[in-house]
Each structure stands twice: as C-alpha cells, then as structure tokens.
Amino acid sequence: MEVKLFIGNLSFATKEEDLRALLAQAGTVVSADLIKDRSTGESKGFAFVVMGSQADAVKATQMFNGYSLDDREIKVGTARERDASGGGGYNDRNGGNGSRRPVTHKNRGGARRY
C-alpha cells in the first residue's frame, strides 16, 4: 500500500530530484511533488512524496525526520488527508471556495451629517 509523506522546512533551493534521490535510500519512491507558488513558480518550502509501502514510509520518517538537507533541518511525517470541505483560498473561514458573507454595519449612534 502506498503512503504519502509530508516533507517540510525545505530550502527554497531544494529540487524534486534531490528529494527523490534522498528518500530512495529508504525505499521505493512512487512520486515526489515539490509545492510551488502559482504566480512565481518558486518553491513554497514543502513537498509530498509517495512511498511504495508502509514499511518504506516508516523507514524514511525514521531516517530523515530532523535530517539536514541544504542547511535546513527537514521535517518528515505521514501526510494528513485533505478536508472534505475543499477549503483553502480566499476568506476560507466562511465555508471555503472564496464565499463571502454579506457585510452588515451596526448603527453606532453618534451624530449624522446631512
């Protein structure tokens, strides 16, 4: 069974090939996805790597959590499942998908200008 790992605190100079080569020391790497900013194409400093088996994922976590890569102490752990709400994006506190609640203003008293 494949297991997805979260790799955090990556240097912005780290490449997908570097991650793939590093984690291949622990077992079979199915895929390595370095997360990049949409507008700039620059790394966001984290990645998701799919390992071939549970044993490979455990070995990778034990070997590389706290490992120094490109002068950064990386964090390696099992990735959590995404929220079913499809959250993320602008103003997510109102239910995701960028929906916005209508703004209501309260009358605060005070003098009115006519």
PDB file of N, CA and C in Angstrom:
ATOM      1  N   MET A   1       0.838  -1.182   0.000  1.00  0.00           N
ATOM      2  CA  MET A   1       0.000   0.000   0.000  1.00  0.00           C
ATOM      3  C   MET A   1       0.888   1.253   0.000  1.00  0.00           C
ATOM      4  N   GLU A   2       0.598   2.177  -0.885  1.00  0.00           N
ATOM      5  CA  GLU A   2       1.370   3.415  -0.972  1.00  0.00           C
ATOM      6  C   GLU A   2       1.018   4.348   0.180  1.00  0.00           C
ATOM      7  N   VAL A   3       2.015   5.098   0.639  1.00  0.00           N
ATOM      8  CA  VAL A   3       1.822   6.039   1.744  1.00  0.00           C
ATOM      9  C   VAL A   3       2.402   7.385   1.339  1.00  0.00           C
ATOM     10  N   LYS A   4       1.608   8.446   1.570  1.00  0.00           N
ATOM     11  CA  LYS A   4       2.056   9.797   1.228  1.00  0.00           C
ATOM     12  C   LYS A   4       2.696  10.440   2.446  1.00  0.00           C
ATOM     13  N   LEU A   5       3.897  10.992   2.242  1.00  0.00           N
ATOM     14  CA  LEU A   5       4.619  11.688   3.300  1.00  0.00           C
ATOM     15  C   LEU A   5       4.627  13.187   3.044  1.00  0.00           C
ATOM     16  N   PHE A   6       4.592  13.954   4.116  1.00  0.00           N
ATOM     17  CA  PHE A   6       4.760  15.400   4.055  1.00  0.00           C
ATOM     18  C   PHE A   6       6.211  15.696   4.407  1.00  0.00           C
ATOM     19  N   ILE A   7       6.878  16.486   3.574  1.00  0.00           N
ATOM     20  CA  ILE A   7       8.257  16.887   3.830  1.00  0.00           C
ATOM     21  C   ILE A   7       8.239  18.401   4.002  1.00  0.00           C
ATOM     22  N   GLY A   8       8.575  18.883   5.185  1.00  0.00           N
ATOM     23  CA  GLY A   8       8.509  20.314   5.460  1.00  0.00           C
ATOM     24  C   GLY A   8       9.855  20.919   5.800  1.00  0.00           C
ATOM     25  N   ASN A   9       9.878  22.243   5.871  1.00  0.00           N
ATOM     26  CA  ASN A   9      11.057  23.046   6.194  1.00  0.00           C
ATOM     27  C   ASN A   9      12.168  22.851   5.165  1.00  0.00           C
ATOM     28  N   LEU A  10      11.770  22.731   3.905  1.00  0.00           N
ATOM     29  CA  LEU A  10      12.756  22.565   2.834  1.00  0.00           C
ATOM     30  C   LEU A  10      13.362  23.901   2.443  1.00  0.00           C
ATOM     31  N   SER A  11      14.593  23.865   2.020  1.00  0.00           N
ATOM     32  CA  SER A  11      15.242  25.041   1.454  1.00  0.00           C
ATOM     33  C   SER A  11      14.564  25.359   0.129  1.00  0.00           C
ATOM     34  N   PHE A  12      14.495  26.637  -0.211  1.00  0.00           N
ATOM     35  CA  PHE A  12      13.889  27.018  -1.481  1.00  0.00           C
ATOM     36  C   PHE A  12      14.743  26.564  -2.663  1.00  0.00           C
ATOM     37  N   ALA A  13      15.985  26.174  -2.407  1.00  0.00           N
ATOM     38  CA  ALA A  13      16.881  25.692  -3.456  1.00  0.00           C
ATOM     39  C   ALA A  13      16.729  24.190  -3.711  1.00  0.00           C
ATOM     40  N   THR A  14      16.027  23.472  -2.844  1.00  0.00           N
ATOM     41  CA  THR A  14      15.862  22.030  -2.991  1.00  0.00           C
ATOM     42  C   THR A  14      14.991  21.720  -4.205  1.00  0.00           C
ATOM     43  N   LYS A  15      15.401  20.729  -4.984  1.00  0.00           N
ATOM     44  CA  LYS A  15      14.688  20.309  -6.194  1.00  0.00           C
ATOM     45  C   LYS A  15      14.022  18.957  -5.964  1.00  0.00           C
ATOM     46  N   GLU A  16      13.015  18.648  -6.794  1.00  0.00           N
ATOM     47  CA  GLU A  16      12.319  17.362  -6.696  1.00  0.00           C
ATOM     48  C   GLU A  16      13.290  16.193  -6.846  1.00  0.00           C
ATOM     49  N   GLU A  17      14.271  16.348  -7.737  1.00  0.00           N
ATOM     50  CA  GLU A  17      15.238  15.274  -7.960  1.00  0.00           C
ATOM     51  C   GLU A  17      16.050  15.004  -6.686  1.00  0.00           C
ATOM     52  N   ASP A  18      16.366  16.091  -5.939  1.00  0.00           N
ATOM     53  CA  ASP A  18      17.109  15.939  -4.684  1.00  0.00           C
ATOM     54  C   ASP A  18      16.292  15.130  -3.678  1.00  0.00           C
ATOM     55  N   LEU A  19      15.011  15.445  -3.566  1.00  0.00           N
ATOM     56  CA  LEU A  19      14.127  14.724  -2.638  1.00  0.00           C
ATOM     57  C   LEU A  19      14.001  13.257  -3.038  1.00  0.00           C
ATOM     58  N   ARG A  20      13.769  13.051  -4.322  1.00  0.00           N
ATOM     59  CA  ARG A  20      13.605  11.682  -4.823  1.00  0.00           C
ATOM     60  C   ARG A  20      14.855  10.843  -4.522  1.00  0.00           C
ATOM     61  N   ALA A  21      16.040  11.400  -4.782  1.00  0.00           N
ATOM     62  CA  ALA A  21      17.295  10.685  -4.545  1.00  0.00           C
ATOM     63  C   ALA A  21      17.507  10.421  -3.056  1.00  0.00           C
ATOM     64  N   LEU A  22      17.189  11.399  -2.218  1.00  0.00           N
ATOM     65  CA  LEU A  22      17.366  11.240  -0.776  1.00  0.00           C
ATOM     66  C   LEU A  22      16.455  10.147  -0.235  1.00  0.00           C
ATOM     67  N   LEU A  23      15.166  10.235  -0.546  1.00  0.00           N
ATOM     68  CA  LEU A  23      14.205   9.291   0.023  1.00  0.00           C
ATOM     69  C   LEU A  23      14.290   7.905  -0.605  1.00  0.00           C
ATOM     70  N   ALA A  24      14.903   7.790  -1.778  1.00  0.00           N
ATOM     71  CA  ALA A  24      15.100   6.479  -2.398  1.00  0.00           C
ATOM     72  C   ALA A  24      16.028   5.609  -1.547  1.00  0.00           C
ATOM     73  N   GLN A  25      16.811   6.239  -0.680  1.00  0.00           N
ATOM     74  CA  GLN A  25      17.672   5.482   0.232  1.00  0.00           C
ATOM     75  C   GLN A  25      16.857   4.680   1.239  1.00  0.00           C
ATOM     76  N   ALA A  26      15.595   5.092   1.467  1.00  0.00           N
ATOM     77  CA  ALA A  26      14.740   4.408   2.424  1.00  0.00           C
ATOM     78  C   ALA A  26      13.822   3.388   1.760  1.00  0.00           C
ATOM     79  N   GLY A  27      13.668   3.462   0.430  1.00  0.00           N
ATOM     80  CA  GLY A  27      12.775   2.524  -0.255  1.00  0.00           C
ATOM     81  C   GLY A  27      12.291   3.099  -1.572  1.00  0.00           C
ATOM     82  N   THR A  28      11.229   2.515  -2.091  1.00  0.00           N
ATOM     83  CA  THR A  28      10.685   2.894  -3.391  1.00  0.00           C
ATOM     84  C   THR A  28       9.937   4.218  -3.320  1.00  0.00           C
ATOM     85  N   VAL A  29      10.346   5.171  -4.156  1.00  0.00           N
ATOM     86  CA  VAL A  29       9.658   6.460  -4.254  1.00  0.00           C
ATOM     87  C   VAL A  29       8.767   6.405  -5.487  1.00  0.00           C
ATOM     88  N   VAL A  30       7.458   6.486  -5.276  1.00  0.00           N
ATOM     89  CA  VAL A  30       6.497   6.440  -6.373  1.00  0.00           C
ATOM     90  C   VAL A  30       6.425   7.802  -7.059  1.00  0.00           C
ATOM     91  N   SER A  31       6.339   8.878  -6.259  1.00  0.00           N
ATOM     92  CA  SER A  31       6.305  10.230  -6.816  1.00  0.00           C
ATOM     93  C   SER A  31       6.812  11.227  -5.785  1.00  0.00           C
ATOM     94  N   ALA A  32       7.302  12.340  -6.289  1.00  0.00           N
ATOM     95  CA  ALA A  32       7.765  13.438  -5.430  1.00  0.00           C
ATOM     96  C   ALA A  32       7.235  14.738  -6.032  1.00  0.00           C
ATOM     97  N   ASP A  33       6.421  15.459  -5.267  1.00  0.00           N
ATOM     98  CA  ASP A  33       5.819  16.705  -5.743  1.00  0.00           C
ATOM     99  C   ASP A  33       6.227  17.857  -4.844  1.00  0.00           C
ATOM    100  N   LEU A  34       7.104  18.706  -5.355  1.00  0.00           N
ATOM    101  CA  LEU A  34       7.516  19.916  -4.650  1.00  0.00           C
ATOM    102  C   LEU A  34       6.445  20.964  -4.902  1.00  0.00           C
ATOM    103  N   ILE A  35       5.903  21.539  -3.858  1.00  0.00           N
ATOM    104  CA  ILE A  35       4.812  22.506  -3.991  1.00  0.00           C
ATOM    105  C   ILE A  35       5.397  23.875  -4.313  1.00  0.00           C
ATOM    106  N   LYS A  36       4.852  24.488  -5.388  1.00  0.00           N
ATOM    107  CA  LYS A  36       5.372  25.768  -5.865  1.00  0.00           C
ATOM    108  C   LYS A  36       4.278  26.836  -5.870  1.00  0.00           C
ATOM    109  N   ASP A  37       4.701  28.078  -5.734  1.00  0.00           N
ATOM    110  CA  ASP A  37       3.791  29.216  -5.804  1.00  0.00           C
ATOM    111  C   ASP A  37       3.292  29.350  -7.242  1.00  0.00           C
ATOM    112  N   ARG A  38       1.990  29.543  -7.421  1.00  0.00           N
ATOM    113  CA  ARG A  38       1.420  29.630  -8.761  1.00  0.00           C
ATOM    114  C   ARG A  38       1.949  30.817  -9.555  1.00  0.00           C
ATOM    115  N   SER A  39       2.057  31.948  -8.902  1.00  0.00           N
ATOM    116  CA  SER A  39       2.417  33.156  -9.644  1.00  0.00           C
ATOM    117  C   SER A  39       3.915  33.265  -9.923  1.00  0.00           C
ATOM    118  N   THR A  40       4.761  32.793  -9.006  1.00  0.00           N
ATOM    119  CA  THR A  40       6.209  32.960  -9.192  1.00  0.00           C
ATOM    120  C   THR A  40       6.923  31.693  -9.630  1.00  0.00           C
ATOM    121  N   GLY A  41       6.317  30.539  -9.376  1.00  0.00           N
ATOM    122  CA  GLY A  41       6.970  29.273  -9.700  1.00  0.00           C
ATOM    123  C   GLY A  41       8.041  28.879  -8.695  1.00  0.00           C
ATOM    124  N   GLU A  42       8.209  29.671  -7.632  1.00  0.00           N
ATOM    125  CA  GLU A  42       9.202  29.392  -6.584  1.00  0.00           C
ATOM    126  C   GLU A  42       8.656  28.340  -5.618  1.00  0.00           C
ATOM    127  N   SER A  43       9.557  27.577  -5.038  1.00  0.00           N
ATOM    128  CA  SER A  43       9.184  26.574  -4.042  1.00  0.00           C
ATOM    129  C   SER A  43       8.551  27.247  -2.821  1.00  0.00           C
ATOM    130  N   LYS A  44       7.555  26.558  -2.234  1.00  0.00           N
ATOM    131  CA  LYS A  44       6.944  27.052  -1.003  1.00  0.00           C
ATOM    132  C   LYS A  44       7.612  26.453   0.234  1.00  0.00           C
ATOM    133  N   GLY A  45       8.587  25.572   0.034  1.00  0.00           N
ATOM    134  CA  GLY A  45       9.330  25.019   1.157  1.00  0.00           C
ATOM    135  C   GLY A  45       8.780  23.720   1.714  1.00  0.00           C
ATOM    136  N   PHE A  46       7.855  23.084   0.970  1.00  0.00           N
ATOM    137  CA  PHE A  46       7.379  21.775   1.413  1.00  0.00           C
ATOM    138  C   PHE A  46       7.025  20.926   0.198  1.00  0.00           C
ATOM    139  N   ALA A  47       6.893  19.623   0.445  1.00  0.00           N
ATOM    140  CA  ALA A  47       6.630  18.689  -0.654  1.00  0.00           C
ATOM    141  C   ALA A  47       5.838  17.500  -0.130  1.00  0.00           C
ATOM    142  N   PHE A  48       5.280  16.752  -1.073  1.00  0.00           N
ATOM    143  CA  PHE A  48       4.618  15.491  -0.764  1.00  0.00           C
ATOM    144  C   PHE A  48       5.312  14.402  -1.563  1.00  0.00           C
ATOM    145  N   VAL A  49       5.663  13.325  -0.877  1.00  0.00           N
ATOM    146  CA  VAL A  49       6.353  12.199  -1.514  1.00  0.00           C
ATOM    147  C   VAL A  49       5.554  10.941  -1.223  1.00  0.00           C
ATOM    148  N   VAL A  50       5.259  10.181  -2.273  1.00  0.00           N
ATOM    149  CA  VAL A  50       4.537   8.922  -2.107  1.00  0.00           C
ATOM    150  C   VAL A  50       5.558   7.792  -2.110  1.00  0.00           C
ATOM    151  N   MET A  51       5.555   7.039  -1.015  1.00  0.00           N
ATOM    152  CA  MET A  51       6.447   5.886  -0.871  1.00  0.00           C
ATOM    153  C   MET A  51       5.686   4.617  -1.243  1.00  0.00           C
ATOM    154  N   GLY A  52       6.413   3.606  -1.719  1.00  0.00           N
ATOM    155  CA  GLY A  52       5.812   2.384  -2.236  1.00  0.00           C
ATOM    156  C   GLY A  52       5.097   1.523  -1.219  1.00  0.00           C
ATOM    157  N   SER A  53       5.506   1.582   0.050  1.00  0.00           N
ATOM    158  CA  SER A  53       4.870   0.738   1.066  1.00  0.00           C
ATOM    159  C   SER A  53       4.911   1.437   2.427  1.00  0.00           C
ATOM    160  N   GLN A  54       4.141   0.891   3.345  1.00  0.00           N
ATOM    161  CA  GLN A  54       4.118   1.417   4.711  1.00  0.00           C
ATOM    162  C   GLN A  54       5.503   1.286   5.348  1.00  0.00           C
ATOM    163  N   ALA A  55       6.164   0.169   5.098  1.00  0.00           N
ATOM    164  CA  ALA A  55       7.497  -0.059   5.675  1.00  0.00           C
ATOM    165  C   ALA A  55       8.496   0.978   5.150  1.00  0.00           C
ATOM    166  N   ASP A  56       8.416   1.290   3.844  1.00  0.00           N
ATOM    167  CA  ASP A  56       9.305   2.306   3.273  1.00  0.00           C
ATOM    168  C   ASP A  56       9.029   3.680   3.879  1.00  0.00           C
ATOM    169  N   ALA A  57       7.756   3.983   4.111  1.00  0.00           N
ATOM    170  CA  ALA A  57       7.385   5.277   4.687  1.00  0.00           C
ATOM    171  C   ALA A  57       7.894   5.411   6.118  1.00  0.00           C
ATOM    172  N   VAL A  58       7.758   4.341   6.899  1.00  0.00           N
ATOM    173  CA  VAL A  58       8.242   4.361   8.284  1.00  0.00           C
ATOM    174  C   VAL A  58       9.761   4.516   8.302  1.00  0.00           C
ATOM    175  N   LYS A  59      10.437   3.799   7.429  1.00  0.00           N
ATOM    176  CA  LYS A  59      11.898   3.877   7.362  1.00  0.00           C
ATOM    177  C   LYS A  59      12.346   5.284   6.964  1.00  0.00           C
ATOM    178  N   ALA A  60      11.663   5.891   5.974  1.00  0.00           N
ATOM    179  CA  ALA A  60      12.001   7.251   5.533  1.00  0.00           C
ATOM    180  C   ALA A  60      11.783   8.259   6.665  1.00  0.00           C
ATOM    181  N   THR A  61      10.706   8.095   7.402  1.00  0.00           N
ATOM    182  CA  THR A  61      10.424   9.000   8.524  1.00  0.00           C
ATOM    183  C   THR A  61      11.502   8.884   9.593  1.00  0.00           C
ATOM    184  N   GLN A  62      11.877   7.670   9.929  1.00  0.00           N
ATOM    185  CA  GLN A  62      12.902   7.461  10.945  1.00  0.00           C
ATOM    186  C   GLN A  62      14.267   7.969  10.490  1.00  0.00           C
ATOM    187  N   MET A  63      14.584   7.755   9.222  1.00  0.00           N
ATOM    188  CA  MET A  63      15.902   8.148   8.714  1.00  0.00           C
ATOM    189  C   MET A  63      16.044   9.657   8.511  1.00  0.00           C
ATOM    190  N   PHE A  64      14.969  10.309   8.065  1.00  0.00           N
ATOM    191  CA  PHE A  64      15.121  11.680   7.583  1.00  0.00           C
ATOM    192  C   PHE A  64      14.377  12.756   8.362  1.00  0.00           C
ATOM    193  N   ASN A  65      13.553  12.415   9.348  1.00  0.00           N
ATOM    194  CA  ASN A  65      12.945  13.453  10.166  1.00  0.00           C
ATOM    195  C   ASN A  65      14.047  14.083  11.025  1.00  0.00           C
ATOM    196  N   GLY A  66      14.297  15.379  10.818  1.00  0.00           N
ATOM    197  CA  GLY A  66      15.375  16.070  11.511  1.00  0.00           C
ATOM    198  C   GLY A  66      16.688  16.061  10.735  1.00  0.00           C
ATOM    199  N   TYR A  67      16.695  15.469   9.561  1.00  0.00           N
ATOM    200  CA  TYR A  67      17.886  15.372   8.708  1.00  0.00           C
ATOM    201  C   TYR A  67      18.227  16.751   8.129  1.00  0.00           C
ATOM    202  N   SER A  68      19.502  17.052   8.010  1.00  0.00           N
ATOM    203  CA  SER A  68      19.940  18.332   7.457  1.00  0.00           C
ATOM    204  C   SER A  68      20.105  18.216   5.941  1.00  0.00           C
ATOM    205  N   LEU A  69      19.279  18.954   5.203  1.00  0.00           N
ATOM    206  CA  LEU A  69      19.323  18.973   3.741  1.00  0.00           C
ATOM    207  C   LEU A  69      19.397  20.419   3.291  1.00  0.00           C
ATOM    208  N   ASP A  70      20.421  20.768   2.568  1.00  0.00           N
ATOM    209  CA  ASP A  70      20.634  22.152   2.106  1.00  0.00           C
ATOM    210  C   ASP A  70      20.603  23.141   3.277  1.00  0.00           C
ATOM    211  N   ASP A  71      21.286  22.771   4.368  1.00  0.00           N
ATOM    212  CA  ASP A  71      21.401  23.602   5.578  1.00  0.00           C
ATOM    213  C   ASP A  71      20.071  23.863   6.269  1.00  0.00           C
ATOM    214  N   ARG A  72      19.085  22.976   6.072  1.00  0.00           N
ATOM    215  CA  ARG A  72      17.798  23.088   6.760  1.00  0.00           C
ATOM    216  C   ARG A  72      17.478  21.755   7.401  1.00  0.00           C
ATOM    217  N   GLU A  73      16.918  21.778   8.605  1.00  0.00           N
ATOM    218  CA  GLU A  73      16.513  20.552   9.283  1.00  0.00           C
ATOM    219  C   GLU A  73      15.099  20.214   8.822  1.00  0.00           C
ATOM    220  N   ILE A  74      14.979  19.217   7.947  1.00  0.00           N
ATOM    221  CA  ILE A  74      13.682  18.912   7.363  1.00  0.00           C
ATOM    222  C   ILE A  74      12.805  18.113   8.324  1.00  0.00           C
ATOM    223  N   LYS A  75      11.510  18.235   8.117  1.00  0.00           N
ATOM    224  CA  LYS A  75      10.518  17.500   8.893  1.00  0.00           C
ATOM    225  C   LYS A  75       9.857  16.491   7.966  1.00  0.00           C
ATOM    226  N   VAL A  76       9.782  15.249   8.390  1.00  0.00           N
ATOM    227  CA  VAL A  76       9.183  14.187   7.585  1.00  0.00           C
ATOM    228  C   VAL A  76       8.136  13.475   8.427  1.00  0.00           C
ATOM    229  N   GLY A  77       6.937  13.349   7.885  1.00  0.00           N
ATOM    230  CA  GLY A  77       5.863  12.658   8.585  1.00  0.00           C
ATOM    231  C   GLY A  77       4.782  12.250   7.614  1.00  0.00           C
ATOM    232  N   THR A  78       3.860  11.422   8.076  1.00  0.00           N
ATOM    233  CA  THR A  78       2.746  10.987   7.247  1.00  0.00           C
ATOM    234  C   THR A  78       1.838  12.171   6.958  1.00  0.00           C
ATOM    235  N   ALA A  79       1.463  12.327   5.698  1.00  0.00           N
ATOM    236  CA  ALA A  79       0.582  13.432   5.299  1.00  0.00           C
ATOM    237  C   ALA A  79      -0.835  13.165   5.800  1.00  0.00           C
ATOM    238  N   ARG A  80      -1.518  14.230   6.186  1.00  0.00           N
ATOM    239  CA  ARG A  80      -2.918  14.111   6.603  1.00  0.00           C
ATOM    240  C   ARG A  80      -3.814  14.221   5.376  1.00  0.00           C
ATOM    241  N   GLU A  81      -4.987  13.613   5.470  1.00  0.00           N
ATOM    242  CA  GLU A  81      -5.956  13.705   4.383  1.00  0.00           C
ATOM    243  C   GLU A  81      -6.499  15.123   4.296  1.00  0.00           C
ATOM    244  N   ARG A  82      -6.849  15.534   3.085  1.00  0.00           N
ATOM    245  CA  ARG A  82      -7.444  16.855   2.879  1.00  0.00           C
ATOM    246  C   ARG A  82      -8.814  16.920   3.503  1.00  0.00           C
ATOM    247  N   ASP A  83      -9.192  18.113   3.926  1.00  0.00           N
ATOM    248  CA  ASP A  83     -10.518  18.362   4.470  1.00  0.00           C
ATOM    249  C   ASP A  83     -11.571  18.135   3.391  1.00  0.00           C
ATOM    250  N   ALA A  84     -12.700  17.532   3.735  1.00  0.00           N
ATOM    251  CA  ALA A  84     -13.762  17.282   2.759  1.00  0.00           C
ATOM    252  C   ALA A  84     -14.410  18.567   2.269  1.00  0.00           C
ATOM    253  N   SER A  85     -14.241  19.665   3.007  1.00  0.00           N
ATOM    254  CA  SER A  85     -14.878  20.934   2.621  1.00  0.00           C
ATOM    255  C   SER A  85     -14.238  21.538   1.387  1.00  0.00           C
ATOM    256  N   GLY A  86     -13.049  21.059   1.008  1.00  0.00           N
ATOM    257  CA  GLY A  86     -12.367  21.653  -0.139  1.00  0.00           C
ATOM    258  C   GLY A  86     -11.848  23.032   0.199  1.00  0.00           C
ATOM    259  N   GLY A  87     -11.563  23.267   1.468  1.00  0.00           N
ATOM    260  CA  GLY A  87     -11.142  24.576   1.961  1.00  0.00           C
ATOM    261  C   GLY A  87      -9.933  25.142   1.267  1.00  0.00           C
ATOM    262  N   GLY A  88      -9.425  26.189   1.828  1.00  0.00           N
ATOM    263  CA  GLY A  88      -8.305  26.881   1.223  1.00  0.00           C
ATOM    264  C   GLY A  88      -8.803  28.044   0.403  1.00  0.00           C
ATOM    265  N   GLY A  89      -7.907  28.877   0.025  1.00  0.00           N
ATOM    266  CA  GLY A  89      -8.305  30.002  -0.812  1.00  0.00           C
ATOM    267  C   GLY A  89      -8.717  31.214  -0.008  1.00  0.00           C
ATOM    268  N   TYR A  90      -9.210  32.195  -0.692  1.00  0.00           N
ATOM    269  CA  TYR A  90      -9.548  33.480  -0.099  1.00  0.00           C
ATOM    270  C   TYR A  90     -10.697  33.369   0.880  1.00  0.00           C
ATOM    271  N   ASN A  91     -10.541  33.957   2.036  1.00  0.00           N
ATOM    272  CA  ASN A  91     -11.616  34.097   3.033  1.00  0.00           C
ATOM    273  C   ASN A  91     -12.233  32.758   3.400  1.00  0.00           C
ATOM    274  N   ASP A  92     -11.414  31.762   3.660  1.00  0.00           N
ATOM    275  CA  ASP A  92     -11.876  30.402   3.887  1.00  0.00           C
ATOM    276  C   ASP A  92     -12.761  30.243   5.113  1.00  0.00           C
ATOM    277  N   ARG A  93     -12.710  31.165   6.051  1.00  0.00           N
ATOM    278  CA  ARG A  93     -13.483  30.989   7.284  1.00  0.00           C
ATOM    279  C   ARG A  93     -14.985  30.958   7.036  1.00  0.00           C
ATOM    280  N   ASN A  94     -15.413  31.333   5.854  1.00  0.00           N
ATOM    281  CA  ASN A  94     -16.839  31.369   5.546  1.00  0.00           C
ATOM    282  C   ASN A  94     -17.288  30.202   4.670  1.00  0.00           C
ATOM    283  N   GLY A  95     -16.658  29.082   4.806  1.00  0.00           N
ATOM    284  CA  GLY A  95     -17.123  27.898   4.119  1.00  0.00           C
ATOM    285  C   GLY A  95     -16.328  27.489   2.905  1.00  0.00           C
ATOM    286  N   GLY A  96     -15.180  28.062   2.698  1.00  0.00           N
ATOM    287  CA  GLY A  96     -14.344  27.646   1.574  1.00  0.00           C
ATOM    288  C   GLY A  96     -14.819  28.224   0.259  1.00  0.00           C
ATOM    289  N   ASN A  97     -14.099  27.896  -0.774  1.00  0.00           N
ATOM    290  CA  ASN A  97     -14.408  28.320  -2.132  1.00  0.00           C
ATOM    291  C   ASN A  97     -14.528  29.825  -2.287  1.00  0.00           C
ATOM    292  N   GLY A  98     -13.959  30.571  -1.392  1.00  0.00           N
ATOM    293  CA  GLY A  98     -13.929  32.020  -1.535  1.00  0.00           C
ATOM    294  C   GLY A  98     -15.255  32.703  -1.284  1.00  0.00           C
ATOM    295  N   SER A  99     -16.239  31.980  -0.727  1.00  0.00           N
ATOM    296  CA  SER A  99     -17.535  32.618  -0.491  1.00  0.00           C
ATOM    297  C   SER A  99     -17.388  33.678   0.588  1.00  0.00           C
ATOM    298  N   ARG A 100     -18.154  34.722   0.441  1.00  0.00           N
ATOM    299  CA  ARG A 100     -18.069  35.805   1.418  1.00  0.00           C
ATOM    300  C   ARG A 100     -19.433  36.048   2.020  1.00  0.00           C
ATOM    301  N   ARG A 101     -19.443  36.320   3.283  1.00  0.00           N
ATOM    302  CA  ARG A 101     -20.660  36.662   3.993  1.00  0.00           C
ATOM    303  C   ARG A 101     -20.975  38.132   3.739  1.00  0.00           C
ATOM    304  N   PRO A 102     -22.261  38.490   3.580  1.00  0.00           N
ATOM    305  CA  PRO A 102     -22.576  39.908   3.389  1.00  0.00           C
ATOM    306  C   PRO A 102     -22.151  40.721   4.612  1.00  0.00           C
ATOM    307  N   VAL A 103     -21.646  41.900   4.358  1.00  0.00           N
ATOM    308  CA  VAL A 103     -21.196  42.769   5.436  1.00  0.00           C
ATOM    309  C   VAL A 103     -22.391  43.553   5.963  1.00  0.00           C
ATOM    310  N   THR A 104     -22.580  43.500   7.269  1.00  0.00           N
ATOM    311  CA  THR A 104     -23.653  44.290   7.883  1.00  0.00           C
ATOM    312  C   THR A 104     -23.019  45.278   8.840  1.00  0.00           C
ATOM    313  N   HIS A 105     -23.474  46.497   8.780  1.00  0.00           N
ATOM    314  CA  HIS A 105     -22.934  47.544   9.631  1.00  0.00           C
ATOM    315  C   HIS A 105     -23.954  47.868  10.716  1.00  0.00           C
ATOM    316  N   LYS A 106     -23.476  48.012  11.910  1.00  0.00           N
ATOM    317  CA  LYS A 106     -24.348  48.363  13.019  1.00  0.00           C
ATOM    318  C   LYS A 106     -24.380  49.871  13.184  1.00  0.00           C
ATOM    319  N   ASN A 107     -25.562  50.372  13.509  1.00  0.00           N
ATOM    320  CA  ASN A 107     -25.692  51.789  13.806  1.00  0.00           C
ATOM    321  C   ASN A 107     -25.020  52.030  15.149  1.00  0.00           C
ATOM    322  N   ARG A 108     -24.011  52.849  15.167  1.00  0.00           N
ATOM    323  CA  ARG A 108     -23.260  53.081  16.379  1.00  0.00           C
ATOM    324  C   ARG A 108     -23.678  54.378  17.076  1.00  0.00           C
ATOM    325  N   GLY A 109     -24.808  54.894  16.698  1.00  0.00           N
ATOM    326  CA  GLY A 109     -25.237  56.157  17.318  1.00  0.00           C
ATOM    327  C   GLY A 109     -24.427  57.301  16.723  1.00  0.00           C
ATOM    328  N   GLY A 110     -24.123  58.263  17.482  1.00  0.00           N
ATOM    329  CA  GLY A 110     -23.291  59.353  17.014  1.00  0.00           C
ATOM    330  C   GLY A 110     -24.043  60.327  16.108  1.00  0.00           C
ATOM    331  N   ALA A 111     -23.407  61.416  15.807  1.00  0.00           N
ATOM    332  CA  ALA A 111     -24.041  62.456  15.014  1.00  0.00           C
ATOM    333  C   ALA A 111     -24.041  62.082  13.550  1.00  0.00           C
ATOM    334  N   ARG A 112     -25.165  62.384  12.908  1.00  0.00           N
ATOM    335  CA  ARG A 112     -25.259  62.157  11.471  1.00  0.00           C
ATOM    336  C   ARG A 112     -25.000  63.448  10.726  1.00  0.00           C
ATOM    337  N   ARG A 113     -24.396  63.335   9.607  1.00  0.00           N
ATOM    338  CA  ARG A 113     -24.154  64.503   8.776  1.00  0.00           C
ATOM    339  C   ARG A 113     -25.098  64.452   7.588  1.00  0.00           C
ATOM    340  N   TYR A 114     -25.826  65.555   7.348  1.00  0.00           N
ATOM    341  CA  TYR A 114     -26.737  65.613   6.212  1.00  0.00           C
ATOM    342  C   TYR A 114     -26.288  66.611   5.237  1.00  0.00           C
TER     343      TYR A 114
END
